[in-house]
Amino acid sequence: MNWDQIAGRWTEMKGKAREMWGDLTDDELDRVAGKRDQMVGLMQTKYGDSKEDAERKIDDWLRRM
């Protein structure tokens, strides 16, 4: 699955993101609204990840979808 598919199905994918990253709130995921750069920024803020680490984690998550 690629990010365009995730973005197109964001309402459905929010739940899967919450399963993966339990500290993320519904409000935060609503603000992301399927935008990858917003998700990277949220993970940097919430988990203290570097941009590269956040992108790697998101890519790993995408591969499992």
PDB file of N, CA and C in Angstrom:
ATOM      1  N   MET A   1       0.853  -1.167   0.000  1.00  0.00           N
ATOM      2  CA  MET A   1       0.000   0.000   0.000  1.00  0.00           C
ATOM      3  C   MET A   1       0.903   1.236   0.000  1.00  0.00           C
ATOM      4  N   ASN A   2       0.546   2.226  -0.796  1.00  0.00           N
ATOM      5  CA  ASN A   2       1.338   3.447  -0.817  1.00  0.00           C
ATOM      6  C   ASN A   2       0.590   4.572  -0.091  1.00  0.00           C
ATOM      7  N   TRP A   3       1.277   5.699   0.076  1.00  0.00           N
ATOM      8  CA  TRP A   3       0.680   6.757   0.886  1.00  0.00           C
ATOM      9  C   TRP A   3      -0.554   7.349   0.217  1.00  0.00           C
ATOM     10  N   ASP A   4      -0.628   7.385  -1.093  1.00  0.00           N
ATOM     11  CA  ASP A   4      -1.830   7.887  -1.766  1.00  0.00           C
ATOM     12  C   ASP A   4      -3.047   7.045  -1.404  1.00  0.00           C
ATOM     13  N   GLN A   5      -2.855   5.746  -1.291  1.00  0.00           N
ATOM     14  CA  GLN A   5      -3.946   4.863  -0.885  1.00  0.00           C
ATOM     15  C   GLN A   5      -4.323   5.109   0.571  1.00  0.00           C
ATOM     16  N   ILE A   6      -3.315   5.312   1.409  1.00  0.00           N
ATOM     17  CA  ILE A   6      -3.573   5.609   2.828  1.00  0.00           C
ATOM     18  C   ILE A   6      -4.377   6.895   2.936  1.00  0.00           C
ATOM     19  N   ALA A   7      -3.924   7.934   2.233  1.00  0.00           N
ATOM     20  CA  ALA A   7      -4.583   9.236   2.298  1.00  0.00           C
ATOM     21  C   ALA A   7      -6.033   9.138   1.832  1.00  0.00           C
ATOM     22  N   GLY A   8      -6.276   8.365   0.800  1.00  0.00           N
ATOM     23  CA  GLY A   8      -7.622   8.217   0.277  1.00  0.00           C
ATOM     24  C   GLY A   8      -8.555   7.482   1.212  1.00  0.00           C
ATOM     25  N   ARG A   9      -7.996   6.686   2.090  1.00  0.00           N
ATOM     26  CA  ARG A   9      -8.789   5.901   3.046  1.00  0.00           C
ATOM     27  C   ARG A   9      -8.461   6.302   4.484  1.00  0.00           C
ATOM     28  N   TRP A  10      -8.130   7.569   4.700  1.00  0.00           N
ATOM     29  CA  TRP A  10      -7.614   8.006   5.997  1.00  0.00           C
ATOM     30  C   TRP A  10      -8.558   7.704   7.142  1.00  0.00           C
ATOM     31  N   THR A  11      -9.857   7.885   6.953  1.00  0.00           N
ATOM     32  CA  THR A  11     -10.804   7.620   8.033  1.00  0.00           C
ATOM     33  C   THR A  11     -10.661   6.188   8.526  1.00  0.00           C
ATOM     34  N   GLU A  12     -10.538   5.281   7.608  1.00  0.00           N
ATOM     35  CA  GLU A  12     -10.359   3.869   7.945  1.00  0.00           C
ATOM     36  C   GLU A  12      -8.965   3.603   8.525  1.00  0.00           C
ATOM     37  N   MET A  13      -7.957   4.266   7.981  1.00  0.00           N
ATOM     38  CA  MET A  13      -6.578   3.997   8.377  1.00  0.00           C
ATOM     39  C   MET A  13      -6.208   4.618   9.723  1.00  0.00           C
ATOM     40  N   LYS A  14      -6.971   5.612  10.175  1.00  0.00           N
ATOM     41  CA  LYS A  14      -6.687   6.231  11.478  1.00  0.00           C
ATOM     42  C   LYS A  14      -6.679   5.187  12.586  1.00  0.00           C
ATOM     43  N   GLY A  15      -7.613   4.270  12.528  1.00  0.00           N
ATOM     44  CA  GLY A  15      -7.682   3.218  13.545  1.00  0.00           C
ATOM     45  C   GLY A  15      -6.447   2.342  13.534  1.00  0.00           C
ATOM     46  N   LYS A  16      -5.969   2.032  12.348  1.00  0.00           N
ATOM     47  CA  LYS A  16      -4.756   1.216  12.247  1.00  0.00           C
ATOM     48  C   LYS A  16      -3.533   1.991  12.743  1.00  0.00           C
ATOM     49  N   ALA A  17      -3.523   3.287  12.494  1.00  0.00           N
ATOM     50  CA  ALA A  17      -2.430   4.118  13.008  1.00  0.00           C
ATOM     51  C   ALA A  17      -2.473   4.161  14.531  1.00  0.00           C
ATOM     52  N   ARG A  18      -3.671   4.252  15.104  1.00  0.00           N
ATOM     53  CA  ARG A  18      -3.809   4.258  16.563  1.00  0.00           C
ATOM     54  C   ARG A  18      -3.328   2.938  17.163  1.00  0.00           C
ATOM     55  N   GLU A  19      -3.593   1.825  16.463  1.00  0.00           N
ATOM     56  CA  GLU A  19      -3.111   0.525  16.937  1.00  0.00           C
ATOM     57  C   GLU A  19      -1.588   0.501  16.971  1.00  0.00           C
ATOM     58  N   MET A  20      -0.969   1.091  15.964  1.00  0.00           N
ATOM     59  CA  MET A  20       0.490   1.084  15.852  1.00  0.00           C
ATOM     60  C   MET A  20       1.124   2.066  16.823  1.00  0.00           C
ATOM     61  N   TRP A  21       0.569   3.268  16.904  1.00  0.00           N
ATOM     62  CA  TRP A  21       1.119   4.326  17.745  1.00  0.00           C
ATOM     63  C   TRP A  21       0.040   4.769  18.723  1.00  0.00           C
ATOM     64  N   GLY A  22      -0.070   4.046  19.815  1.00  0.00           N
ATOM     65  CA  GLY A  22      -1.149   4.235  20.781  1.00  0.00           C
ATOM     66  C   GLY A  22      -1.184   5.582  21.470  1.00  0.00           C
ATOM     67  N   ASP A  23      -0.083   6.318  21.455  1.00  0.00           N
ATOM     68  CA  ASP A  23      -0.070   7.626  22.108  1.00  0.00           C
ATOM     69  C   ASP A  23      -0.709   8.718  21.262  1.00  0.00           C
ATOM     70  N   LEU A  24      -0.976   8.439  19.997  1.00  0.00           N
ATOM     71  CA  LEU A  24      -1.586   9.437  19.127  1.00  0.00           C
ATOM     72  C   LEU A  24      -3.082   9.511  19.412  1.00  0.00           C
ATOM     73  N   THR A  25      -3.594  10.716  19.493  1.00  0.00           N
ATOM     74  CA  THR A  25      -5.010  10.901  19.782  1.00  0.00           C
ATOM     75  C   THR A  25      -5.804  11.012  18.485  1.00  0.00           C
ATOM     76  N   ASP A  26      -7.108  10.823  18.603  1.00  0.00           N
ATOM     77  CA  ASP A  26      -7.976  10.974  17.439  1.00  0.00           C
ATOM     78  C   ASP A  26      -7.895  12.396  16.884  1.00  0.00           C
ATOM     79  N   ASP A  27      -7.838  13.385  17.774  1.00  0.00           N
ATOM     80  CA  ASP A  27      -7.740  14.779  17.320  1.00  0.00           C
ATOM     81  C   ASP A  27      -6.457  15.007  16.526  1.00  0.00           C
ATOM     82  N   GLU A  28      -5.347  14.444  17.003  1.00  0.00           N
ATOM     83  CA  GLU A  28      -4.077  14.599  16.289  1.00  0.00           C
ATOM     84  C   GLU A  28      -4.154  13.941  14.914  1.00  0.00           C
ATOM     85  N   LEU A  29      -4.729  12.758  14.868  1.00  0.00           N
ATOM     86  CA  LEU A  29      -4.843  12.054  13.595  1.00  0.00           C
ATOM     87  C   LEU A  29      -5.827  12.755  12.661  1.00  0.00           C
ATOM     88  N   ASP A  30      -6.851  13.390  13.218  1.00  0.00           N
ATOM     89  CA  ASP A  30      -7.761  14.181  12.385  1.00  0.00           C
ATOM     90  C   ASP A  30      -7.022  15.355  11.758  1.00  0.00           C
ATOM     91  N   ARG A  31      -6.128  15.979  12.512  1.00  0.00           N
ATOM     92  CA  ARG A  31      -5.347  17.105  11.981  1.00  0.00           C
ATOM     93  C   ARG A  31      -4.388  16.646  10.883  1.00  0.00           C
ATOM     94  N   VAL A  32      -3.874  15.443  10.998  1.00  0.00           N
ATOM     95  CA  VAL A  32      -2.989  14.898   9.961  1.00  0.00           C
ATOM     96  C   VAL A  32      -3.756  14.775   8.643  1.00  0.00           C
ATOM     97  N   ALA A  33      -4.992  14.343   8.730  1.00  0.00           N
ATOM     98  CA  ALA A  33      -5.906  14.265   7.582  1.00  0.00           C
ATOM     99  C   ALA A  33      -5.290  13.553   6.374  1.00  0.00           C
ATOM    100  N   GLY A  34      -4.480  12.535   6.627  1.00  0.00           N
ATOM    101  CA  GLY A  34      -3.923  11.740   5.539  1.00  0.00           C
ATOM    102  C   GLY A  34      -2.697  12.326   4.870  1.00  0.00           C
ATOM    103  N   LYS A  35      -2.164  13.400   5.408  1.00  0.00           N
ATOM    104  CA  LYS A  35      -0.983  14.033   4.819  1.00  0.00           C
ATOM    105  C   LYS A  35       0.276  13.450   5.449  1.00  0.00           C
ATOM    106  N   ARG A  36       1.117  12.872   4.629  1.00  0.00           N
ATOM    107  CA  ARG A  36       2.326  12.203   5.121  1.00  0.00           C
ATOM    108  C   ARG A  36       3.246  13.159   5.874  1.00  0.00           C
ATOM    109  N   ASP A  37       3.477  14.355   5.333  1.00  0.00           N
ATOM    110  CA  ASP A  37       4.381  15.289   6.004  1.00  0.00           C
ATOM    111  C   ASP A  37       3.846  15.697   7.373  1.00  0.00           C
ATOM    112  N   GLN A  38       2.527  15.779   7.505  1.00  0.00           N
ATOM    113  CA  GLN A  38       1.929  16.088   8.799  1.00  0.00           C
ATOM    114  C   GLN A  38       2.123  14.923   9.774  1.00  0.00           C
ATOM    115  N   MET A  39       2.022  13.712   9.264  1.00  0.00           N
ATOM    116  CA  MET A  39       2.225  12.522  10.106  1.00  0.00           C
ATOM    117  C   MET A  39       3.671  12.456  10.583  1.00  0.00           C
ATOM    118  N   VAL A  40       4.609  12.753   9.697  1.00  0.00           N
ATOM    119  CA  VAL A  40       6.024  12.769  10.081  1.00  0.00           C
ATOM    120  C   VAL A  40       6.247  13.806  11.185  1.00  0.00           C
ATOM    121  N   GLY A  41       5.700  14.995  11.007  1.00  0.00           N
ATOM    122  CA  GLY A  41       5.850  16.046  12.010  1.00  0.00           C
ATOM    123  C   GLY A  41       5.223  15.672  13.335  1.00  0.00           C
ATOM    124  N   LEU A  42       4.077  15.042  13.295  1.00  0.00           N
ATOM    125  CA  LEU A  42       3.413  14.603  14.528  1.00  0.00           C
ATOM    126  C   LEU A  42       4.269  13.589  15.274  1.00  0.00           C
ATOM    127  N   MET A  43       4.847  12.661  14.539  1.00  0.00           N
ATOM    128  CA  MET A  43       5.684  11.649  15.188  1.00  0.00           C
ATOM    129  C   MET A  43       6.961  12.266  15.750  1.00  0.00           C
ATOM    130  N   GLN A  44       7.483  13.264  15.069  1.00  0.00           N
ATOM    131  CA  GLN A  44       8.662  13.952  15.599  1.00  0.00           C
ATOM    132  C   GLN A  44       8.308  14.626  16.919  1.00  0.00           C
ATOM    133  N   THR A  45       7.180  15.288  16.957  1.00  0.00           N
ATOM    134  CA  THR A  45       6.753  16.002  18.164  1.00  0.00           C
ATOM    135  C   THR A  45       6.381  15.043  19.284  1.00  0.00           C
ATOM    136  N   LYS A  46       5.569  14.052  18.961  1.00  0.00           N
ATOM    137  CA  LYS A  46       5.012  13.163  19.983  1.00  0.00           C
ATOM    138  C   LYS A  46       6.043  12.180  20.543  1.00  0.00           C
ATOM    139  N   TYR A  47       6.912  11.666  19.677  1.00  0.00           N
ATOM    140  CA  TYR A  47       7.846  10.623  20.094  1.00  0.00           C
ATOM    141  C   TYR A  47       9.303  11.081  20.132  1.00  0.00           C
ATOM    142  N   GLY A  48       9.562  12.301  19.704  1.00  0.00           N
ATOM    143  CA  GLY A  48      10.933  12.795  19.697  1.00  0.00           C
ATOM    144  C   GLY A  48      11.794  12.173  18.615  1.00  0.00           C
ATOM    145  N   ASP A  49      11.147  11.634  17.585  1.00  0.00           N
ATOM    146  CA  ASP A  49      11.877  10.999  16.486  1.00  0.00           C
ATOM    147  C   ASP A  49      12.525  12.060  15.599  1.00  0.00           C
ATOM    148  N   SER A  50      13.641  11.695  15.007  1.00  0.00           N
ATOM    149  CA  SER A  50      14.196  12.538  13.948  1.00  0.00           C
ATOM    150  C   SER A  50      13.291  12.374  12.732  1.00  0.00           C
ATOM    151  N   LYS A  51      13.421  13.253  11.774  1.00  0.00           N
ATOM    152  CA  LYS A  51      12.612  13.157  10.556  1.00  0.00           C
ATOM    153  C   LYS A  51      12.846  11.815   9.872  1.00  0.00           C
ATOM    154  N   GLU A  52      14.109  11.415   9.802  1.00  0.00           N
ATOM    155  CA  GLU A  52      14.456  10.155   9.147  1.00  0.00           C
ATOM    156  C   GLU A  52      13.848   8.962   9.876  1.00  0.00           C
ATOM    157  N   ASP A  53      13.905   8.971  11.213  1.00  0.00           N
ATOM    158  CA  ASP A  53      13.323   7.869  11.985  1.00  0.00           C
ATOM    159  C   ASP A  53      11.809   7.809  11.808  1.00  0.00           C
ATOM    160  N   ALA A  54      11.158   8.970  11.840  1.00  0.00           N
ATOM    161  CA  ALA A  54       9.707   9.010  11.653  1.00  0.00           C
ATOM    162  C   ALA A  54       9.334   8.486  10.277  1.00  0.00           C
ATOM    163  N   GLU A  55      10.062   8.894   9.262  1.00  0.00           N
ATOM    164  CA  GLU A  55       9.782   8.417   7.904  1.00  0.00           C
ATOM    165  C   GLU A  55       9.997   6.916   7.793  1.00  0.00           C
ATOM    166  N   ARG A  56      11.056   6.419   8.430  1.00  0.00           N
ATOM    167  CA  ARG A  56      11.329   4.972   8.404  1.00  0.00           C
ATOM    168  C   ARG A  56      10.205   4.198   9.081  1.00  0.00           C
ATOM    169  N   LYS A  57       9.741   4.684  10.225  1.00  0.00           N
ATOM    170  CA  LYS A  57       8.646   4.007  10.938  1.00  0.00           C
ATOM    171  C   LYS A  57       7.371   4.000  10.108  1.00  0.00           C
ATOM    172  N   ILE A  58       7.091   5.104   9.454  1.00  0.00           N
ATOM    173  CA  ILE A  58       5.903   5.178   8.605  1.00  0.00           C
ATOM    174  C   ILE A  58       6.047   4.225   7.426  1.00  0.00           C
ATOM    175  N   ASP A  59       7.225   4.185   6.811  1.00  0.00           N
ATOM    176  CA  ASP A  59       7.454   3.266   5.698  1.00  0.00           C
ATOM    177  C   ASP A  59       7.295   1.814   6.135  1.00  0.00           C
ATOM    178  N   ASP A  60       7.804   1.477   7.325  1.00  0.00           N
ATOM    179  CA  ASP A  60       7.646   0.115   7.854  1.00  0.00           C
ATOM    180  C   ASP A  60       6.162  -0.211   8.047  1.00  0.00           C
ATOM    181  N   TRP A  61       5.419   0.731   8.565  1.00  0.00           N
ATOM    182  CA  TRP A  61       3.979   0.565   8.778  1.00  0.00           C
ATOM    183  C   TRP A  61       3.269   0.342   7.440  1.00  0.00           C
ATOM    184  N   LEU A  62       3.642   1.118   6.431  1.00  0.00           N
ATOM    185  CA  LEU A  62       3.036   0.979   5.115  1.00  0.00           C
ATOM    186  C   LEU A  62       3.273  -0.409   4.527  1.00  0.00           C
ATOM    187  N   ARG A  63       4.474  -0.933   4.711  1.00  0.00           N
ATOM    188  CA  ARG A  63       4.794  -2.266   4.184  1.00  0.00           C
ATOM    189  C   ARG A  63       3.939  -3.346   4.829  1.00  0.00           C
ATOM    190  N   ARG A  64       3.522  -3.133   6.056  1.00  0.00           N
ATOM    191  CA  ARG A  64       2.709  -4.124   6.757  1.00  0.00           C
ATOM    192  C   ARG A  64       1.231  -4.029   6.391  1.00  0.00           C
ATOM    193  N   MET A  65       0.840  -2.971   5.743  1.00  0.00           N
ATOM    194  CA  MET A  65      -0.570  -2.776   5.375  1.00  0.00           C
ATOM    195  C   MET A  65      -0.937  -3.640   4.208  1.00  0.00           C
TER     196      MET A  65
END
